[in-house]
Amino acid sequence: MAQADNETIDLEIIVQDTQEGKKPELRLWLRMLSTTKLISQEIRRRLRTEFGATLPQFDLLAQLYREKDGLRLGELSKRTMVTNGNVTGLVERLEGDGLIVRETPHGDRRVTVAKLTRKGEDSFSAMAKAHEGWLRDMMADVEPAAIKVLLDDMSLVKASVSNHLSEGESA
């Protein structure tokens, strides 16, 4: 696996001396984790370079894009897995950039709803189109049939993990 000088060591190094066929669950988990990390780092880099945006900003805009009536800040926090305080900071930054607005429905100042502006919709649409292209480019060496098999197999893995979560947890 090729690495740039500034990249961290691939997580799979943990099991590099493990015989093939040994510790398959650990190897699978590390492979998924390291692949996710590689993709995430590249997406973050490209968002920053091409749009001056962060991945949390992109994720927040994506949630608002799906909800034309906007979302309460607490719901945005849950959906993006970002703390309430960090969501507030993200919202303030995006509002300052003219991408979202905050409203208090029915004059209830206890409730704040964030909505995309027209500029926010246009900006997110451009980012989403680029994001889709980046993923397609990064996976260009994987045959479509292999992607389908991986999707099906990962559904099995996800279902198994979900079946064995601690009580009260959910996927």
N, C-alpha and C. Protein backbone atom coordinates (compact mmCIF):
# COMPACT_ATOMS: atom_id res chain seq x y z
N MET A 1 0.84 -1.18 0.00
CA MET A 1 0.00 0.00 0.00
C MET A 1 0.89 1.25 0.00
N ALA A 2 0.75 2.13 -0.96
CA ALA A 2 1.58 3.33 -1.04
C ALA A 2 1.11 4.35 -0.02
N GLN A 3 2.07 5.06 0.58
CA GLN A 3 1.73 6.08 1.56
C GLN A 3 2.52 7.34 1.26
N ALA A 4 1.84 8.46 1.42
CA ALA A 4 2.54 9.74 1.33
C ALA A 4 3.26 9.96 2.65
N ASP A 5 4.29 10.79 2.65
CA ASP A 5 5.08 11.03 3.85
C ASP A 5 4.24 11.57 5.01
N ASN A 6 3.21 12.35 4.71
CA ASN A 6 2.44 12.98 5.77
C ASN A 6 1.26 12.14 6.25
N GLU A 7 1.09 10.94 5.73
CA GLU A 7 -0.01 10.09 6.16
C GLU A 7 0.39 9.26 7.35
N THR A 8 -0.59 8.90 8.17
CA THR A 8 -0.31 8.03 9.29
C THR A 8 -0.19 6.59 8.80
N ILE A 9 0.38 5.76 9.61
CA ILE A 9 0.55 4.35 9.25
C ILE A 9 -0.82 3.70 9.11
N ASP A 10 -0.98 2.87 8.11
CA ASP A 10 -2.23 2.16 7.88
C ASP A 10 -2.58 1.32 9.10
N LEU A 11 -3.82 1.37 9.52
CA LEU A 11 -4.27 0.65 10.71
C LEU A 11 -4.08 -0.86 10.61
N GLU A 12 -4.02 -1.37 9.41
CA GLU A 12 -3.88 -2.82 9.24
C GLU A 12 -2.51 -3.34 9.66
N ILE A 13 -1.59 -2.43 9.96
CA ILE A 13 -0.28 -2.86 10.43
C ILE A 13 -0.41 -3.68 11.71
N ILE A 14 -1.46 -3.45 12.46
CA ILE A 14 -1.70 -4.16 13.72
C ILE A 14 -1.72 -5.68 13.50
N VAL A 15 -2.22 -6.11 12.36
CA VAL A 15 -2.35 -7.55 12.11
C VAL A 15 -1.44 -8.02 10.97
N GLN A 16 -0.44 -7.23 10.62
CA GLN A 16 0.40 -7.59 9.47
C GLN A 16 1.14 -8.91 9.66
N ASP A 17 1.45 -9.28 10.89
CA ASP A 17 2.17 -10.54 11.13
C ASP A 17 1.24 -11.71 11.40
N THR A 18 -0.07 -11.46 11.33
CA THR A 18 -1.05 -12.51 11.59
C THR A 18 -1.18 -13.39 10.35
N GLN A 19 -1.18 -14.69 10.57
CA GLN A 19 -1.34 -15.62 9.45
C GLN A 19 -2.67 -15.38 8.75
N GLU A 20 -2.66 -15.56 7.42
CA GLU A 20 -3.89 -15.46 6.63
C GLU A 20 -4.90 -16.44 7.22
N GLY A 21 -6.12 -16.02 7.36
CA GLY A 21 -7.17 -16.87 7.91
C GLY A 21 -7.31 -16.76 9.42
N LYS A 22 -6.37 -16.10 10.09
CA LYS A 22 -6.44 -15.92 11.54
C LYS A 22 -7.00 -14.53 11.85
N LYS A 23 -7.77 -14.46 12.90
CA LYS A 23 -8.37 -13.20 13.36
C LYS A 23 -9.14 -12.49 12.24
N PRO A 24 -10.01 -13.20 11.54
CA PRO A 24 -10.68 -12.57 10.39
C PRO A 24 -11.57 -11.39 10.77
N GLU A 25 -12.22 -11.46 11.93
CA GLU A 25 -13.09 -10.35 12.33
C GLU A 25 -12.28 -9.09 12.60
N LEU A 26 -11.14 -9.27 13.27
CA LEU A 26 -10.25 -8.13 13.54
C LEU A 26 -9.71 -7.55 12.23
N ARG A 27 -9.30 -8.43 11.33
CA ARG A 27 -8.76 -7.99 10.04
C ARG A 27 -9.82 -7.23 9.24
N LEU A 28 -11.06 -7.74 9.25
CA LEU A 28 -12.15 -7.07 8.52
C LEU A 28 -12.41 -5.70 9.11
N TRP A 29 -12.52 -5.64 10.44
CA TRP A 29 -12.79 -4.35 11.09
C TRP A 29 -11.69 -3.34 10.77
N LEU A 30 -10.44 -3.75 10.86
CA LEU A 30 -9.33 -2.84 10.57
C LEU A 30 -9.31 -2.43 9.10
N ARG A 31 -9.67 -3.35 8.20
CA ARG A 31 -9.74 -3.01 6.78
C ARG A 31 -10.83 -1.96 6.54
N MET A 32 -12.00 -2.15 7.15
CA MET A 32 -13.09 -1.17 6.99
C MET A 32 -12.68 0.18 7.58
N LEU A 33 -12.07 0.15 8.76
CA LEU A 33 -11.67 1.37 9.43
C LEU A 33 -10.60 2.12 8.64
N SER A 34 -9.60 1.40 8.15
CA SER A 34 -8.52 2.06 7.41
C SER A 34 -9.01 2.60 6.06
N THR A 35 -9.91 1.88 5.42
CA THR A 35 -10.47 2.35 4.15
C THR A 35 -11.31 3.61 4.37
N THR A 36 -12.14 3.59 5.42
CA THR A 36 -12.95 4.75 5.75
C THR A 36 -12.06 5.95 6.06
N LYS A 37 -10.98 5.71 6.78
CA LYS A 37 -10.06 6.79 7.13
C LYS A 37 -9.40 7.38 5.87
N LEU A 38 -8.97 6.53 4.96
CA LEU A 38 -8.36 7.02 3.72
C LEU A 38 -9.33 7.88 2.92
N ILE A 39 -10.56 7.39 2.77
CA ILE A 39 -11.56 8.13 2.00
C ILE A 39 -11.89 9.44 2.69
N SER A 40 -12.10 9.38 4.00
CA SER A 40 -12.46 10.57 4.76
C SER A 40 -11.37 11.65 4.67
N GLN A 41 -10.11 11.24 4.82
CA GLN A 41 -9.01 12.21 4.71
C GLN A 41 -9.00 12.89 3.34
N GLU A 42 -9.22 12.11 2.29
CA GLU A 42 -9.19 12.68 0.95
C GLU A 42 -10.40 13.59 0.70
N ILE A 43 -11.56 13.19 1.17
CA ILE A 43 -12.75 14.02 1.02
C ILE A 43 -12.55 15.34 1.78
N ARG A 44 -12.04 15.25 3.00
CA ARG A 44 -11.78 16.46 3.79
C ARG A 44 -10.82 17.39 3.03
N ARG A 45 -9.74 16.84 2.48
CA ARG A 45 -8.76 17.63 1.75
C ARG A 45 -9.39 18.32 0.55
N ARG A 46 -10.17 17.56 -0.21
CA ARG A 46 -10.78 18.13 -1.42
C ARG A 46 -11.85 19.17 -1.09
N LEU A 47 -12.65 18.93 -0.05
CA LEU A 47 -13.65 19.93 0.36
C LEU A 47 -12.96 21.24 0.75
N ARG A 48 -11.88 21.12 1.52
CA ARG A 48 -11.15 22.29 1.97
C ARG A 48 -10.53 23.03 0.78
N THR A 49 -9.88 22.28 -0.12
CA THR A 49 -9.18 22.87 -1.26
C THR A 49 -10.14 23.49 -2.27
N GLU A 50 -11.18 22.75 -2.63
CA GLU A 50 -12.05 23.20 -3.72
C GLU A 50 -13.21 24.09 -3.28
N PHE A 51 -13.65 23.96 -2.01
CA PHE A 51 -14.82 24.72 -1.57
C PHE A 51 -14.59 25.53 -0.30
N GLY A 52 -13.40 25.40 0.32
CA GLY A 52 -13.16 26.10 1.57
C GLY A 52 -14.09 25.63 2.67
N ALA A 53 -14.51 24.38 2.60
CA ALA A 53 -15.48 23.83 3.56
C ALA A 53 -14.86 22.67 4.33
N THR A 54 -15.44 22.39 5.48
CA THR A 54 -15.03 21.24 6.27
C THR A 54 -16.05 20.11 6.08
N LEU A 55 -15.65 18.91 6.44
CA LEU A 55 -16.58 17.78 6.34
C LEU A 55 -17.79 17.97 7.27
N PRO A 56 -17.61 18.45 8.51
CA PRO A 56 -18.81 18.71 9.34
C PRO A 56 -19.75 19.74 8.72
N GLN A 57 -19.20 20.76 8.06
CA GLN A 57 -20.06 21.74 7.38
C GLN A 57 -20.83 21.07 6.24
N PHE A 58 -20.13 20.25 5.46
CA PHE A 58 -20.77 19.52 4.37
C PHE A 58 -21.89 18.63 4.91
N ASP A 59 -21.61 17.90 5.99
CA ASP A 59 -22.62 17.01 6.58
C ASP A 59 -23.84 17.79 7.08
N LEU A 60 -23.60 18.94 7.70
CA LEU A 60 -24.71 19.75 8.19
C LEU A 60 -25.54 20.28 7.02
N LEU A 61 -24.88 20.76 5.99
CA LEU A 61 -25.60 21.24 4.80
C LEU A 61 -26.40 20.11 4.16
N ALA A 62 -25.84 18.90 4.14
CA ALA A 62 -26.53 17.74 3.56
C ALA A 62 -27.83 17.45 4.31
N GLN A 63 -27.79 17.54 5.63
CA GLN A 63 -28.99 17.30 6.42
C GLN A 63 -30.06 18.36 6.12
N LEU A 64 -29.65 19.60 6.02
CA LEU A 64 -30.60 20.68 5.74
C LEU A 64 -31.13 20.59 4.31
N TYR A 65 -30.33 20.11 3.39
CA TYR A 65 -30.75 19.97 2.00
C TYR A 65 -31.91 18.98 1.90
N ARG A 66 -31.88 17.96 2.75
CA ARG A 66 -32.93 16.93 2.74
C ARG A 66 -34.21 17.41 3.42
N GLU A 67 -34.13 18.44 4.22
CA GLU A 67 -35.27 18.92 5.00
C GLU A 67 -35.59 20.37 4.62
N LYS A 68 -36.46 20.53 3.66
CA LYS A 68 -36.74 21.86 3.12
C LYS A 68 -37.32 22.82 4.17
N ASP A 69 -37.97 22.27 5.22
CA ASP A 69 -38.52 23.12 6.28
C ASP A 69 -37.51 23.42 7.37
N GLY A 70 -36.29 22.90 7.19
CA GLY A 70 -35.24 23.13 8.16
C GLY A 70 -35.27 22.12 9.30
N LEU A 71 -34.32 22.25 10.19
CA LEU A 71 -34.21 21.35 11.34
C LEU A 71 -33.85 22.15 12.58
N ARG A 72 -34.35 21.68 13.72
CA ARG A 72 -33.94 22.25 15.00
C ARG A 72 -32.46 21.93 15.20
N LEU A 73 -31.79 22.80 15.92
CA LEU A 73 -30.36 22.61 16.13
C LEU A 73 -30.07 21.30 16.88
N GLY A 74 -30.93 20.93 17.82
CA GLY A 74 -30.75 19.67 18.54
C GLY A 74 -30.84 18.47 17.61
N GLU A 75 -31.76 18.53 16.66
CA GLU A 75 -31.90 17.45 15.68
C GLU A 75 -30.68 17.41 14.76
N LEU A 76 -30.17 18.56 14.38
CA LEU A 76 -28.94 18.61 13.57
C LEU A 76 -27.78 17.97 14.33
N SER A 77 -27.72 18.22 15.61
CA SER A 77 -26.67 17.63 16.44
C SER A 77 -26.76 16.11 16.43
N LYS A 78 -27.96 15.57 16.59
CA LYS A 78 -28.15 14.12 16.57
C LYS A 78 -27.79 13.52 15.22
N ARG A 79 -28.26 14.15 14.17
CA ARG A 79 -28.06 13.60 12.82
C ARG A 79 -26.62 13.67 12.34
N THR A 80 -25.90 14.66 12.80
CA THR A 80 -24.51 14.81 12.37
C THR A 80 -23.52 14.26 13.39
N MET A 81 -24.03 13.81 14.53
CA MET A 81 -23.20 13.29 15.62
C MET A 81 -22.15 14.32 16.05
N VAL A 82 -22.58 15.57 16.11
CA VAL A 82 -21.75 16.68 16.55
C VAL A 82 -22.42 17.26 17.79
N THR A 83 -21.64 17.65 18.80
CA THR A 83 -22.22 18.19 20.03
C THR A 83 -23.04 19.45 19.74
N ASN A 84 -23.97 19.74 20.64
CA ASN A 84 -24.80 20.94 20.48
C ASN A 84 -23.95 22.20 20.35
N GLY A 85 -22.90 22.30 21.17
CA GLY A 85 -22.03 23.47 21.11
C GLY A 85 -21.32 23.60 19.77
N ASN A 86 -20.85 22.48 19.24
CA ASN A 86 -20.18 22.52 17.94
C ASN A 86 -21.16 22.80 16.81
N VAL A 87 -22.40 22.29 16.92
CA VAL A 87 -23.41 22.60 15.91
C VAL A 87 -23.68 24.10 15.89
N THR A 88 -23.76 24.70 17.07
CA THR A 88 -23.99 26.15 17.15
C THR A 88 -22.87 26.90 16.42
N GLY A 89 -21.62 26.49 16.64
CA GLY A 89 -20.50 27.13 15.96
C GLY A 89 -20.56 26.94 14.44
N LEU A 90 -20.89 25.71 14.01
CA LEU A 90 -21.02 25.44 12.57
C LEU A 90 -22.12 26.30 11.97
N VAL A 91 -23.25 26.36 12.65
CA VAL A 91 -24.40 27.15 12.16
C VAL A 91 -24.03 28.62 12.06
N GLU A 92 -23.35 29.14 13.08
CA GLU A 92 -22.95 30.55 13.05
C GLU A 92 -22.04 30.83 11.86
N ARG A 93 -21.09 29.95 11.61
CA ARG A 93 -20.16 30.13 10.49
C ARG A 93 -20.91 30.08 9.15
N LEU A 94 -21.78 29.07 8.99
CA LEU A 94 -22.53 28.92 7.74
C LEU A 94 -23.52 30.06 7.54
N GLU A 95 -24.08 30.55 8.63
CA GLU A 95 -24.97 31.70 8.54
C GLU A 95 -24.18 32.95 8.12
N GLY A 96 -23.00 33.11 8.69
CA GLY A 96 -22.13 34.23 8.32
C GLY A 96 -21.73 34.19 6.85
N ASP A 97 -21.63 32.97 6.30
CA ASP A 97 -21.30 32.81 4.89
C ASP A 97 -22.53 32.93 3.98
N GLY A 98 -23.70 33.13 4.60
CA GLY A 98 -24.93 33.29 3.82
C GLY A 98 -25.51 31.99 3.30
N LEU A 99 -25.09 30.85 3.86
CA LEU A 99 -25.56 29.55 3.37
C LEU A 99 -26.79 29.05 4.10
N ILE A 100 -26.97 29.51 5.33
CA ILE A 100 -28.16 29.12 6.09
C ILE A 100 -28.70 30.33 6.85
N VAL A 101 -29.93 30.20 7.30
CA VAL A 101 -30.55 31.20 8.17
C VAL A 101 -31.11 30.46 9.39
N ARG A 102 -31.17 31.18 10.50
CA ARG A 102 -31.81 30.64 11.70
C ARG A 102 -33.13 31.37 11.90
N GLU A 103 -34.14 30.60 12.26
CA GLU A 103 -35.46 31.16 12.49
C GLU A 103 -36.01 30.65 13.81
N THR A 104 -36.91 31.43 14.39
CA THR A 104 -37.63 30.99 15.59
C THR A 104 -39.10 30.87 15.22
N PRO A 105 -39.55 29.62 14.93
CA PRO A 105 -40.93 29.42 14.51
C PRO A 105 -41.94 29.90 15.57
N HIS A 106 -42.97 30.56 15.10
CA HIS A 106 -44.07 31.01 15.95
C HIS A 106 -43.58 31.91 17.09
N GLY A 107 -42.45 32.58 16.90
CA GLY A 107 -41.93 33.49 17.90
C GLY A 107 -41.43 32.82 19.18
N ASP A 108 -41.29 31.51 19.17
CA ASP A 108 -40.82 30.77 20.35
C ASP A 108 -39.30 30.79 20.37
N ARG A 109 -38.72 31.66 21.21
CA ARG A 109 -37.27 31.82 21.22
C ARG A 109 -36.53 30.62 21.81
N ARG A 110 -37.26 29.67 22.38
CA ARG A 110 -36.62 28.46 22.90
C ARG A 110 -36.28 27.49 21.77
N VAL A 111 -36.90 27.71 20.60
CA VAL A 111 -36.70 26.81 19.46
C VAL A 111 -36.01 27.57 18.34
N THR A 112 -34.91 27.02 17.86
CA THR A 112 -34.20 27.60 16.72
C THR A 112 -34.13 26.56 15.62
N VAL A 113 -34.57 26.97 14.43
CA VAL A 113 -34.55 26.09 13.26
C VAL A 113 -33.57 26.68 12.25
N ALA A 114 -32.73 25.82 11.70
CA ALA A 114 -31.80 26.25 10.65
C ALA A 114 -32.34 25.79 9.31
N LYS A 115 -32.24 26.67 8.31
CA LYS A 115 -32.68 26.36 6.95
C LYS A 115 -31.63 26.82 5.96
N LEU A 116 -31.56 26.12 4.84
CA LEU A 116 -30.66 26.54 3.77
C LEU A 116 -31.22 27.78 3.07
N THR A 117 -30.33 28.66 2.69
CA THR A 117 -30.71 29.77 1.81
C THR A 117 -30.59 29.26 0.37
N ARG A 118 -30.99 30.06 -0.56
CA ARG A 118 -30.81 29.70 -1.98
C ARG A 118 -29.32 29.52 -2.28
N LYS A 119 -28.51 30.42 -1.74
CA LYS A 119 -27.05 30.30 -1.92
C LYS A 119 -26.56 28.99 -1.30
N GLY A 120 -27.11 28.61 -0.15
CA GLY A 120 -26.73 27.36 0.50
C GLY A 120 -27.11 26.15 -0.33
N GLU A 121 -28.30 26.19 -0.93
CA GLU A 121 -28.73 25.09 -1.79
C GLU A 121 -27.80 24.95 -2.99
N ASP A 122 -27.47 26.07 -3.61
CA ASP A 122 -26.59 26.04 -4.77
C ASP A 122 -25.19 25.55 -4.39
N SER A 123 -24.69 26.05 -3.27
CA SER A 123 -23.36 25.67 -2.81
C SER A 123 -23.31 24.18 -2.48
N PHE A 124 -24.33 23.70 -1.74
CA PHE A 124 -24.34 22.28 -1.39
C PHE A 124 -24.48 21.42 -2.64
N SER A 125 -25.32 21.81 -3.58
CA SER A 125 -25.49 21.04 -4.82
C SER A 125 -24.15 20.87 -5.54
N ALA A 126 -23.37 21.94 -5.59
CA ALA A 126 -22.05 21.86 -6.25
C ALA A 126 -21.12 20.93 -5.47
N MET A 127 -21.13 21.05 -4.14
CA MET A 127 -20.29 20.18 -3.31
C MET A 127 -20.70 18.72 -3.45
N ALA A 128 -22.01 18.46 -3.43
CA ALA A 128 -22.51 17.09 -3.51
C ALA A 128 -22.15 16.45 -4.85
N LYS A 129 -22.26 17.22 -5.92
CA LYS A 129 -21.90 16.70 -7.24
C LYS A 129 -20.41 16.36 -7.28
N ALA A 130 -19.58 17.25 -6.74
CA ALA A 130 -18.14 17.00 -6.70
C ALA A 130 -17.84 15.79 -5.81
N HIS A 131 -18.49 15.70 -4.67
CA HIS A 131 -18.31 14.59 -3.72
C HIS A 131 -18.60 13.25 -4.39
N GLU A 132 -19.69 13.21 -5.11
CA GLU A 132 -20.06 11.98 -5.83
C GLU A 132 -18.98 11.61 -6.85
N GLY A 133 -18.49 12.60 -7.55
CA GLY A 133 -17.43 12.36 -8.53
C GLY A 133 -16.13 11.90 -7.88
N TRP A 134 -15.79 12.48 -6.74
CA TRP A 134 -14.58 12.07 -6.04
C TRP A 134 -14.66 10.60 -5.62
N LEU A 135 -15.81 10.20 -5.09
CA LEU A 135 -15.99 8.81 -4.68
C LEU A 135 -15.90 7.87 -5.89
N ARG A 136 -16.53 8.29 -6.98
CA ARG A 136 -16.47 7.49 -8.21
C ARG A 136 -15.02 7.35 -8.68
N ASP A 137 -14.27 8.44 -8.63
CA ASP A 137 -12.86 8.41 -9.03
C ASP A 137 -12.04 7.50 -8.12
N MET A 138 -12.23 7.63 -6.81
CA MET A 138 -11.46 6.83 -5.86
C MET A 138 -11.75 5.34 -6.00
N MET A 139 -12.94 5.00 -6.46
CA MET A 139 -13.32 3.59 -6.59
C MET A 139 -13.33 3.12 -8.04
N ALA A 140 -12.67 3.87 -8.91
CA ALA A 140 -12.67 3.57 -10.34
C ALA A 140 -12.05 2.22 -10.66
N ASP A 141 -11.17 1.73 -9.81
CA ASP A 141 -10.51 0.45 -10.07
C ASP A 141 -11.31 -0.75 -9.56
N VAL A 142 -12.49 -0.49 -9.01
CA VAL A 142 -13.33 -1.56 -8.48
C VAL A 142 -14.50 -1.76 -9.45
N GLU A 143 -14.65 -2.97 -9.94
CA GLU A 143 -15.73 -3.28 -10.89
C GLU A 143 -17.10 -3.06 -10.24
N PRO A 144 -18.09 -2.58 -11.00
CA PRO A 144 -19.44 -2.39 -10.47
C PRO A 144 -20.01 -3.66 -9.81
N ALA A 145 -19.75 -4.82 -10.39
CA ALA A 145 -20.24 -6.07 -9.80
C ALA A 145 -19.62 -6.30 -8.42
N ALA A 146 -18.34 -5.95 -8.26
CA ALA A 146 -17.68 -6.10 -6.97
C ALA A 146 -18.27 -5.13 -5.94
N ILE A 147 -18.60 -3.93 -6.39
CA ILE A 147 -19.23 -2.95 -5.49
C ILE A 147 -20.56 -3.49 -5.00
N LYS A 148 -21.34 -4.08 -5.89
CA LYS A 148 -22.64 -4.65 -5.49
C LYS A 148 -22.44 -5.76 -4.47
N VAL A 149 -21.48 -6.65 -4.70
CA VAL A 149 -21.21 -7.74 -3.75
C VAL A 149 -20.79 -7.17 -2.40
N LEU A 150 -19.90 -6.17 -2.42
CA LEU A 150 -19.45 -5.55 -1.17
C LEU A 150 -20.62 -4.92 -0.42
N LEU A 151 -21.49 -4.23 -1.15
CA LEU A 151 -22.67 -3.63 -0.51
C LEU A 151 -23.54 -4.70 0.15
N ASP A 152 -23.78 -5.78 -0.57
CA ASP A 152 -24.60 -6.88 -0.01
C ASP A 152 -23.91 -7.48 1.21
N ASP A 153 -22.62 -7.74 1.10
CA ASP A 153 -21.89 -8.34 2.21
C ASP A 153 -21.83 -7.40 3.42
N MET A 154 -21.63 -6.11 3.17
CA MET A 154 -21.59 -5.16 4.28
C MET A 154 -22.95 -5.04 4.96
N SER A 155 -24.04 -5.27 4.21
CA SER A 155 -25.36 -5.30 4.84
C SER A 155 -25.43 -6.43 5.87
N LEU A 156 -24.83 -7.57 5.53
CA LEU A 156 -24.79 -8.69 6.47
C LEU A 156 -23.97 -8.34 7.70
N VAL A 157 -22.82 -7.72 7.49
CA VAL A 157 -21.96 -7.33 8.61
C VAL A 157 -22.70 -6.33 9.50
N LYS A 158 -23.31 -5.32 8.89
CA LYS A 158 -24.02 -4.30 9.66
C LYS A 158 -25.17 -4.93 10.45
N ALA A 159 -25.92 -5.83 9.82
CA ALA A 159 -27.03 -6.49 10.52
C ALA A 159 -26.51 -7.32 11.70
N SER A 160 -25.43 -8.04 11.50
CA SER A 160 -24.86 -8.84 12.59
C SER A 160 -24.41 -7.96 13.74
N VAL A 161 -23.71 -6.88 13.43
CA VAL A 161 -23.27 -5.95 14.47
C VAL A 161 -24.49 -5.38 15.20
N SER A 162 -25.50 -4.96 14.46
CA SER A 162 -26.71 -4.41 15.07
C SER A 162 -27.39 -5.42 16.00
N ASN A 163 -27.35 -6.68 15.62
CA ASN A 163 -27.96 -7.73 16.44
C ASN A 163 -27.21 -7.98 17.74
N HIS A 164 -25.99 -7.50 17.82
CA HIS A 164 -25.17 -7.80 18.98
C HIS A 164 -24.69 -6.54 19.73
N LEU A 165 -25.43 -5.46 19.55
CA LEU A 165 -25.11 -4.23 20.28
C LEU A 165 -25.54 -4.37 21.73
N SER A 166 -24.91 -3.60 22.59
CA SER A 166 -25.30 -3.56 23.99
C SER A 166 -26.73 -3.08 24.08
N GLU A 167 -27.41 -3.49 25.13
CA GLU A 167 -28.81 -3.10 25.32
C GLU A 167 -28.94 -1.59 25.31
N GLY A 168 -29.92 -1.10 24.60
CA GLY A 168 -30.18 0.33 24.53
C GLY A 168 -29.43 1.06 23.42
N GLU A 169 -28.53 0.38 22.73
CA GLU A 169 -27.80 0.99 21.63
C GLU A 169 -28.51 0.70 20.32
N SER A 170 -28.28 1.55 19.32
CA SER A 170 -28.85 1.30 17.99
C SER A 170 -27.87 1.79 16.93
N ALA A 171 -28.04 1.25 15.71
CA ALA A 171 -27.12 1.60 14.62
C ALA A 171 -27.42 2.97 14.09
